[in-house]
Amino acid sequence: MAVWDKSFWKATAERVISTVAAALLGVVTVDGLSAANFDWKANILLVVVPGVGSFLKCIIANTGGTPGPSIGGQETLGTRVG
């Protein structure tokens, strides 16, 4: 059963943002740690594609029967107690 509530979208956004940030760090590091000389047009796909992949993984995982963006049900979303 897929769950498309606020907690799912928050968890998905957290995964996508962290994936894009890690990809950006990798690209900037390989490009010489120079943000001033960073060629955005040449490297934007190297940053965006992993984020799209992360987003699609979350969507696919949520349709697999366990509510949440984790494949295999290692992390499920539920109501917070307390």
PDB file of N, CA and C in Angstrom:
ATOM      1  N   MET A   1       0.842  -1.181   0.000  1.00  0.00           N
ATOM      2  CA  MET A   1       0.000   0.000   0.000  1.00  0.00           C
ATOM      3  C   MET A   1       0.886   1.242   0.000  1.00  0.00           C
ATOM      4  N   ALA A   2       0.746   2.064  -0.976  1.00  0.00           N
ATOM      5  CA  ALA A   2       1.537   3.288  -1.076  1.00  0.00           C
ATOM      6  C   ALA A   2       0.968   4.368  -0.155  1.00  0.00           C
ATOM      7  N   VAL A   3       1.859   5.064   0.484  1.00  0.00           N
ATOM      8  CA  VAL A   3       1.473   6.169   1.356  1.00  0.00           C
ATOM      9  C   VAL A   3       2.109   7.437   0.803  1.00  0.00           C
ATOM     10  N   TRP A   4       1.286   8.401   0.439  1.00  0.00           N
ATOM     11  CA  TRP A   4       1.775   9.640  -0.157  1.00  0.00           C
ATOM     12  C   TRP A   4       1.484  10.827   0.766  1.00  0.00           C
ATOM     13  N   ASP A   5       1.784  10.691   2.044  1.00  0.00           N
ATOM     14  CA  ASP A   5       1.480  11.755   2.993  1.00  0.00           C
ATOM     15  C   ASP A   5       2.697  12.657   3.210  1.00  0.00           C
ATOM     16  N   LYS A   6       2.541  13.612   4.118  1.00  0.00           N
ATOM     17  CA  LYS A   6       3.579  14.607   4.367  1.00  0.00           C
ATOM     18  C   LYS A   6       4.884  13.963   4.849  1.00  0.00           C
ATOM     19  N   SER A   7       4.798  12.928   5.670  1.00  0.00           N
ATOM     20  CA  SER A   7       6.017  12.300   6.179  1.00  0.00           C
ATOM     21  C   SER A   7       6.788  11.598   5.057  1.00  0.00           C
ATOM     22  N   PHE A   8       6.075  11.027   4.092  1.00  0.00           N
ATOM     23  CA  PHE A   8       6.752  10.400   2.951  1.00  0.00           C
ATOM     24  C   PHE A   8       7.504  11.447   2.143  1.00  0.00           C
ATOM     25  N   TRP A   9       6.841  12.568   1.857  1.00  0.00           N
ATOM     26  CA  TRP A   9       7.476  13.608   1.039  1.00  0.00           C
ATOM     27  C   TRP A   9       8.646  14.257   1.770  1.00  0.00           C
ATOM     28  N   LYS A  10       8.558  14.396   3.080  1.00  0.00           N
ATOM     29  CA  LYS A  10       9.672  14.943   3.846  1.00  0.00           C
ATOM     30  C   LYS A  10      10.865  13.991   3.809  1.00  0.00           C
ATOM     31  N   ALA A  11      10.619  12.703   3.980  1.00  0.00           N
ATOM     32  CA  ALA A  11      11.696  11.712   3.935  1.00  0.00           C
ATOM     33  C   ALA A  11      12.311  11.646   2.542  1.00  0.00           C
ATOM     34  N   THR A  12      11.477  11.734   1.522  1.00  0.00           N
ATOM     35  CA  THR A  12      11.957  11.716   0.145  1.00  0.00           C
ATOM     36  C   THR A  12      12.799  12.955  -0.146  1.00  0.00           C
ATOM     37  N   ALA A  13      12.325  14.118   0.268  1.00  0.00           N
ATOM     38  CA  ALA A  13      13.071  15.360   0.049  1.00  0.00           C
ATOM     39  C   ALA A  13      14.426  15.303   0.740  1.00  0.00           C
ATOM     40  N   GLU A  14      14.472  14.763   1.940  1.00  0.00           N
ATOM     41  CA  GLU A  14      15.733  14.643   2.669  1.00  0.00           C
ATOM     42  C   GLU A  14      16.711  13.772   1.893  1.00  0.00           C
ATOM     43  N   ARG A  15      16.240  12.673   1.331  1.00  0.00           N
ATOM     44  CA  ARG A  15      17.108  11.786   0.561  1.00  0.00           C
ATOM     45  C   ARG A  15      17.602  12.455  -0.725  1.00  0.00           C
ATOM     46  N   VAL A  16      16.702  13.122  -1.420  1.00  0.00           N
ATOM     47  CA  VAL A  16      17.078  13.763  -2.683  1.00  0.00           C
ATOM     48  C   VAL A  16      18.071  14.896  -2.438  1.00  0.00           C
ATOM     49  N   ILE A  17      17.812  15.719  -1.443  1.00  0.00           N
ATOM     50  CA  ILE A  17      18.708  16.832  -1.136  1.00  0.00           C
ATOM     51  C   ILE A  17      20.087  16.327  -0.734  1.00  0.00           C
ATOM     52  N   SER A  18      20.153  15.304   0.104  1.00  0.00           N
ATOM     53  CA  SER A  18      21.459  14.796   0.520  1.00  0.00           C
ATOM     54  C   SER A  18      22.200  14.142  -0.645  1.00  0.00           C
ATOM     55  N   THR A  19      21.475  13.497  -1.550  1.00  0.00           N
ATOM     56  CA  THR A  19      22.102  12.896  -2.725  1.00  0.00           C
ATOM     57  C   THR A  19      22.668  13.970  -3.645  1.00  0.00           C
ATOM     58  N   VAL A  20      21.881  15.022  -3.899  1.00  0.00           N
ATOM     59  CA  VAL A  20      22.346  16.114  -4.757  1.00  0.00           C
ATOM     60  C   VAL A  20      23.538  16.829  -4.110  1.00  0.00           C
ATOM     61  N   ALA A  21      23.494  17.040  -2.810  1.00  0.00           N
ATOM     62  CA  ALA A  21      24.608  17.698  -2.124  1.00  0.00           C
ATOM     63  C   ALA A  21      25.880  16.860  -2.217  1.00  0.00           C
ATOM     64  N   ALA A  22      25.759  15.551  -2.047  1.00  0.00           N
ATOM     65  CA  ALA A  22      26.928  14.676  -2.157  1.00  0.00           C
ATOM     66  C   ALA A  22      27.473  14.672  -3.578  1.00  0.00           C
ATOM     67  N   ALA A  23      26.588  14.646  -4.566  1.00  0.00           N
ATOM     68  CA  ALA A  23      27.027  14.690  -5.964  1.00  0.00           C
ATOM     69  C   ALA A  23      27.715  16.013  -6.272  1.00  0.00           C
ATOM     70  N   LEU A  24      27.175  17.105  -5.762  1.00  0.00           N
ATOM     71  CA  LEU A  24      27.780  18.425  -5.973  1.00  0.00           C
ATOM     72  C   LEU A  24      29.169  18.486  -5.349  1.00  0.00           C
ATOM     73  N   LEU A  25      29.295  17.967  -4.142  1.00  0.00           N
ATOM     74  CA  LEU A  25      30.588  17.941  -3.473  1.00  0.00           C
ATOM     75  C   LEU A  25      31.587  17.132  -4.289  1.00  0.00           C
ATOM     76  N   GLY A  26      31.165  16.008  -4.821  1.00  0.00           N
ATOM     77  CA  GLY A  26      32.047  15.194  -5.647  1.00  0.00           C
ATOM     78  C   GLY A  26      32.473  15.898  -6.914  1.00  0.00           C
ATOM     79  N   VAL A  27      31.529  16.544  -7.587  1.00  0.00           N
ATOM     80  CA  VAL A  27      31.846  17.235  -8.839  1.00  0.00           C
ATOM     81  C   VAL A  27      32.764  18.425  -8.583  1.00  0.00           C
ATOM     82  N   VAL A  28      32.490  19.208  -7.553  1.00  0.00           N
ATOM     83  CA  VAL A  28      33.322  20.368  -7.243  1.00  0.00           C
ATOM     84  C   VAL A  28      34.724  19.914  -6.844  1.00  0.00           C
ATOM     85  N   THR A  29      34.816  18.825  -6.101  1.00  0.00           N
ATOM     86  CA  THR A  29      36.116  18.304  -5.681  1.00  0.00           C
ATOM     87  C   THR A  29      36.929  17.851  -6.889  1.00  0.00           C
ATOM     88  N   VAL A  30      36.307  17.123  -7.778  1.00  0.00           N
ATOM     89  CA  VAL A  30      37.004  16.649  -8.972  1.00  0.00           C
ATOM     90  C   VAL A  30      37.373  17.813  -9.886  1.00  0.00           C
ATOM     91  N   ASP A  31      36.538  18.838  -9.899  1.00  0.00           N
ATOM     92  CA  ASP A  31      36.777  19.992 -10.767  1.00  0.00           C
ATOM     93  C   ASP A  31      37.813  20.958 -10.186  1.00  0.00           C
ATOM     94  N   GLY A  32      38.390  20.633  -9.035  1.00  0.00           N
ATOM     95  CA  GLY A  32      39.482  21.433  -8.501  1.00  0.00           C
ATOM     96  C   GLY A  32      39.122  22.371  -7.361  1.00  0.00           C
ATOM     97  N   LEU A  33      37.992  22.166  -6.697  1.00  0.00           N
ATOM     98  CA  LEU A  33      37.577  22.982  -5.554  1.00  0.00           C
ATOM     99  C   LEU A  33      37.506  24.470  -5.871  1.00  0.00           C
ATOM    100  N   SER A  34      37.186  24.818  -7.084  1.00  0.00           N
ATOM    101  CA  SER A  34      37.100  26.222  -7.459  1.00  0.00           C
ATOM    102  C   SER A  34      35.687  26.541  -7.916  1.00  0.00           C
ATOM    103  N   ALA A  35      34.880  27.039  -7.007  1.00  0.00           N
ATOM    104  CA  ALA A  35      33.492  27.371  -7.346  1.00  0.00           C
ATOM    105  C   ALA A  35      33.422  28.506  -8.360  1.00  0.00           C
ATOM    106  N   ALA A  36      34.423  29.376  -8.361  1.00  0.00           N
ATOM    107  CA  ALA A  36      34.425  30.492  -9.303  1.00  0.00           C
ATOM    108  C   ALA A  36      34.612  30.019 -10.737  1.00  0.00           C
ATOM    109  N   ASN A  37      35.363  28.962 -10.917  1.00  0.00           N
ATOM    110  CA  ASN A  37      35.636  28.435 -12.253  1.00  0.00           C
ATOM    111  C   ASN A  37      34.795  27.211 -12.584  1.00  0.00           C
ATOM    112  N   PHE A  38      33.814  26.911 -11.765  1.00  0.00           N
ATOM    113  CA  PHE A  38      32.989  25.726 -11.949  1.00  0.00           C
ATOM    114  C   PHE A  38      32.118  25.885 -13.198  1.00  0.00           C
ATOM    115  N   ASP A  39      32.200  24.949 -14.093  1.00  0.00           N
ATOM    116  CA  ASP A  39      31.437  24.992 -15.343  1.00  0.00           C
ATOM    117  C   ASP A  39      30.079  24.321 -15.119  1.00  0.00           C
ATOM    118  N   TRP A  40      29.067  25.115 -14.747  1.00  0.00           N
ATOM    119  CA  TRP A  40      27.748  24.584 -14.421  1.00  0.00           C
ATOM    120  C   TRP A  40      27.103  23.872 -15.599  1.00  0.00           C
ATOM    121  N   LYS A  41      27.235  24.443 -16.791  1.00  0.00           N
ATOM    122  CA  LYS A  41      26.599  23.826 -17.955  1.00  0.00           C
ATOM    123  C   LYS A  41      27.159  22.444 -18.236  1.00  0.00           C
ATOM    124  N   ALA A  42      28.440  22.262 -18.060  1.00  0.00           N
ATOM    125  CA  ALA A  42      29.060  20.971 -18.328  1.00  0.00           C
ATOM    126  C   ALA A  42      28.795  19.958 -17.222  1.00  0.00           C
ATOM    127  N   ASN A  43      28.600  20.420 -15.993  1.00  0.00           N
ATOM    128  CA  ASN A  43      28.518  19.508 -14.851  1.00  0.00           C
ATOM    129  C   ASN A  43      27.130  19.380 -14.227  1.00  0.00           C
ATOM    130  N   ILE A  44      26.145  20.119 -14.711  1.00  0.00           N
ATOM    131  CA  ILE A  44      24.836  20.104 -14.050  1.00  0.00           C
ATOM    132  C   ILE A  44      24.186  18.716 -14.062  1.00  0.00           C
ATOM    133  N   LEU A  45      24.350  17.973 -15.146  1.00  0.00           N
ATOM    134  CA  LEU A  45      23.766  16.633 -15.196  1.00  0.00           C
ATOM    135  C   LEU A  45      24.421  15.698 -14.198  1.00  0.00           C
ATOM    136  N   LEU A  46      25.694  15.917 -13.914  1.00  0.00           N
ATOM    137  CA  LEU A  46      26.381  15.087 -12.929  1.00  0.00           C
ATOM    138  C   LEU A  46      25.847  15.318 -11.518  1.00  0.00           C
ATOM    139  N   VAL A  47      25.164  16.420 -11.309  1.00  0.00           N
ATOM    140  CA  VAL A  47      24.574  16.735 -10.015  1.00  0.00           C
ATOM    141  C   VAL A  47      23.088  16.382  -9.985  1.00  0.00           C
ATOM    142  N   VAL A  48      22.381  16.642 -11.076  1.00  0.00           N
ATOM    143  CA  VAL A  48      20.926  16.459 -11.108  1.00  0.00           C
ATOM    144  C   VAL A  48      20.524  14.991 -11.275  1.00  0.00           C
ATOM    145  N   VAL A  49      21.212  14.252 -12.117  1.00  0.00           N
ATOM    146  CA  VAL A  49      20.813  12.865 -12.401  1.00  0.00           C
ATOM    147  C   VAL A  49      20.791  11.990 -11.145  1.00  0.00           C
ATOM    148  N   PRO A  50      21.787  12.052 -10.258  1.00  0.00           N
ATOM    149  CA  PRO A  50      21.679  11.257  -9.031  1.00  0.00           C
ATOM    150  C   PRO A  50      20.462  11.640  -8.168  1.00  0.00           C
ATOM    151  N   GLY A  51      20.098  12.924  -8.158  1.00  0.00           N
ATOM    152  CA  GLY A  51      18.907  13.358  -7.416  1.00  0.00           C
ATOM    153  C   GLY A  51      17.636  12.787  -8.003  1.00  0.00           C
ATOM    154  N   VAL A  52      17.551  12.761  -9.331  1.00  0.00           N
ATOM    155  CA  VAL A  52      16.386  12.168  -9.998  1.00  0.00           C
ATOM    156  C   VAL A  52      16.332  10.677  -9.700  1.00  0.00           C
ATOM    157  N   GLY A  53      17.481  10.028  -9.734  1.00  0.00           N
ATOM    158  CA  GLY A  53      17.530   8.597  -9.411  1.00  0.00           C
ATOM    159  C   GLY A  53      17.078   8.317  -7.988  1.00  0.00           C
ATOM    160  N   SER A  54      17.495   9.149  -7.060  1.00  0.00           N
ATOM    161  CA  SER A  54      17.087   8.998  -5.665  1.00  0.00           C
ATOM    162  C   SER A  54      15.572   9.182  -5.509  1.00  0.00           C
ATOM    163  N   PHE A  55      15.034  10.187  -6.195  1.00  0.00           N
ATOM    164  CA  PHE A  55      13.595  10.437  -6.146  1.00  0.00           C
ATOM    165  C   PHE A  55      12.809   9.246  -6.704  1.00  0.00           C
ATOM    166  N   LEU A  56      13.238   8.745  -7.852  1.00  0.00           N
ATOM    167  CA  LEU A  56      12.543   7.599  -8.454  1.00  0.00           C
ATOM    168  C   LEU A  56      12.642   6.360  -7.577  1.00  0.00           C
ATOM    169  N   LYS A  57      13.780   6.152  -6.932  1.00  0.00           N
ATOM    170  CA  LYS A  57      13.937   5.023  -6.018  1.00  0.00           C
ATOM    171  C   LYS A  57      12.940   5.108  -4.868  1.00  0.00           C
ATOM    172  N   CYS A  58      12.735   6.307  -4.335  1.00  0.00           N
ATOM    173  CA  CYS A  58      11.776   6.482  -3.246  1.00  0.00           C
ATOM    174  C   CYS A  58      10.348   6.179  -3.699  1.00  0.00           C
ATOM    175  N   ILE A  59       9.995   6.638  -4.898  1.00  0.00           N
ATOM    176  CA  ILE A  59       8.657   6.385  -5.424  1.00  0.00           C
ATOM    177  C   ILE A  59       8.446   4.897  -5.641  1.00  0.00           C
ATOM    178  N   ILE A  60       9.420   4.240  -6.253  1.00  0.00           N
ATOM    179  CA  ILE A  60       9.309   2.804  -6.514  1.00  0.00           C
ATOM    180  C   ILE A  60       9.253   2.022  -5.209  1.00  0.00           C
ATOM    181  N   ALA A  61      10.079   2.384  -4.245  1.00  0.00           N
ATOM    182  CA  ALA A  61      10.093   1.687  -2.954  1.00  0.00           C
ATOM    183  C   ALA A  61       8.755   1.821  -2.238  1.00  0.00           C
ATOM    184  N   ASN A  62       8.114   2.977  -2.357  1.00  0.00           N
ATOM    185  CA  ASN A  62       6.846   3.200  -1.667  1.00  0.00           C
ATOM    186  C   ASN A  62       5.709   2.400  -2.275  1.00  0.00           C
ATOM    187  N   THR A  63       5.831   2.009  -3.521  1.00  0.00           N
ATOM    188  CA  THR A  63       4.771   1.212  -4.146  1.00  0.00           C
ATOM    189  C   THR A  63       4.975  -0.280  -3.918  1.00  0.00           C
ATOM    190  N   GLY A  64       6.034  -0.649  -3.214  1.00  0.00           N
ATOM    191  CA  GLY A  64       6.358  -2.055  -3.005  1.00  0.00           C
ATOM    192  C   GLY A  64       5.638  -2.728  -1.865  1.00  0.00           C
ATOM    193  N   GLY A  65       4.768  -2.062  -1.179  1.00  0.00           N
ATOM    194  CA  GLY A  65       4.003  -2.703  -0.117  1.00  0.00           C
ATOM    195  C   GLY A  65       4.295  -2.188   1.275  1.00  0.00           C
ATOM    196  N   THR A  66       5.492  -1.647   1.498  1.00  0.00           N
ATOM    197  CA  THR A  66       5.833  -1.107   2.800  1.00  0.00           C
ATOM    198  C   THR A  66       5.814   0.406   2.712  1.00  0.00           C
ATOM    199  N   PRO A  67       5.045   1.079   3.568  1.00  0.00           N
ATOM    200  CA  PRO A  67       4.975   2.534   3.474  1.00  0.00           C
ATOM    201  C   PRO A  67       6.301   3.189   3.844  1.00  0.00           C
ATOM    202  N   GLY A  68       6.829   3.956   2.927  1.00  0.00           N
ATOM    203  CA  GLY A  68       8.079   4.657   3.179  1.00  0.00           C
ATOM    204  C   GLY A  68       8.994   4.593   1.980  1.00  0.00           C
ATOM    205  N   PRO A  69      10.029   5.420   1.976  1.00  0.00           N
ATOM    206  CA  PRO A  69      10.925   5.511   0.831  1.00  0.00           C
ATOM    207  C   PRO A  69      12.085   4.523   0.863  1.00  0.00           C
ATOM    208  N   SER A  70      12.018   3.499   1.717  1.00  0.00           N
ATOM    209  CA  SER A  70      13.116   2.565   1.864  1.00  0.00           C
ATOM    210  C   SER A  70      12.810   1.240   1.178  1.00  0.00           C
ATOM    211  N   ILE A  71      13.708   0.799   0.314  1.00  0.00           N
ATOM    212  CA  ILE A  71      13.546  -0.507  -0.327  1.00  0.00           C
ATOM    213  C   ILE A  71      13.769  -1.592   0.717  1.00  0.00           C
ATOM    214  N   GLY A  72      12.926  -2.583   0.732  1.00  0.00           N
ATOM    215  CA  GLY A  72      13.051  -3.684   1.672  1.00  0.00           C
ATOM    216  C   GLY A  72      12.410  -3.441   3.016  1.00  0.00           C
ATOM    217  N   GLY A  73      11.798  -2.263   3.192  1.00  0.00           N
ATOM    218  CA  GLY A  73      11.090  -1.986   4.433  1.00  0.00           C
ATOM    219  C   GLY A  73      11.983  -1.750   5.633  1.00  0.00           C
ATOM    220  N   GLN A  74      13.259  -1.401   5.406  1.00  0.00           N
ATOM    221  CA  GLN A  74      14.158  -1.152   6.518  1.00  0.00           C
ATOM    222  C   GLN A  74      13.750   0.077   7.325  1.00  0.00           C
ATOM    223  N   GLU A  75      13.138   0.998   6.644  1.00  0.00           N
ATOM    224  CA  GLU A  75      12.621   2.187   7.319  1.00  0.00           C
ATOM    225  C   GLU A  75      11.179   2.375   6.873  1.00  0.00           C
ATOM    226  N   THR A  76      10.281   2.445   7.795  1.00  0.00           N
ATOM    227  CA  THR A  76       8.885   2.675   7.471  1.00  0.00           C
ATOM    228  C   THR A  76       8.431   3.954   8.127  1.00  0.00           C
ATOM    229  N   LEU A  77       7.424   4.571   7.546  1.00  0.00           N
ATOM    230  CA  LEU A  77       6.884   5.799   8.098  1.00  0.00           C
ATOM    231  C   LEU A  77       5.630   5.482   8.881  1.00  0.00           C
ATOM    232  N   GLY A  78       5.530   6.044  10.021  1.00  0.00           N
ATOM    233  CA  GLY A  78       4.351   5.845  10.847  1.00  0.00           C
ATOM    234  C   GLY A  78       4.088   7.083  11.652  1.00  0.00           C
ATOM    235  N   THR A  79       3.138   7.002  12.519  1.00  0.00           N
ATOM    236  CA  THR A  79       2.823   8.163  13.346  1.00  0.00           C
ATOM    237  C   THR A  79       3.800   8.219  14.515  1.00  0.00           C
ATOM    238  N   ARG A  80       4.157   9.416  14.877  1.00  0.00           N
ATOM    239  CA  ARG A  80       5.076   9.623  15.987  1.00  0.00           C
ATOM    240  C   ARG A  80       4.301   9.584  17.287  1.00  0.00           C
ATOM    241  N   VAL A  81       4.814   8.852  18.255  1.00  0.00           N
ATOM    242  CA  VAL A  81       4.182   8.752  19.563  1.00  0.00           C
ATOM    243  C   VAL A  81       4.922   9.665  20.517  1.00  0.00           C
ATOM    244  N   GLY A  82       4.177  10.444  21.276  1.00  0.00           N
ATOM    245  CA  GLY A  82       4.817  11.271  22.285  1.00  0.00           C
ATOM    246  C   GLY A  82       4.639  12.655  22.016  1.00  0.00           C
TER     247      GLY A  82
END
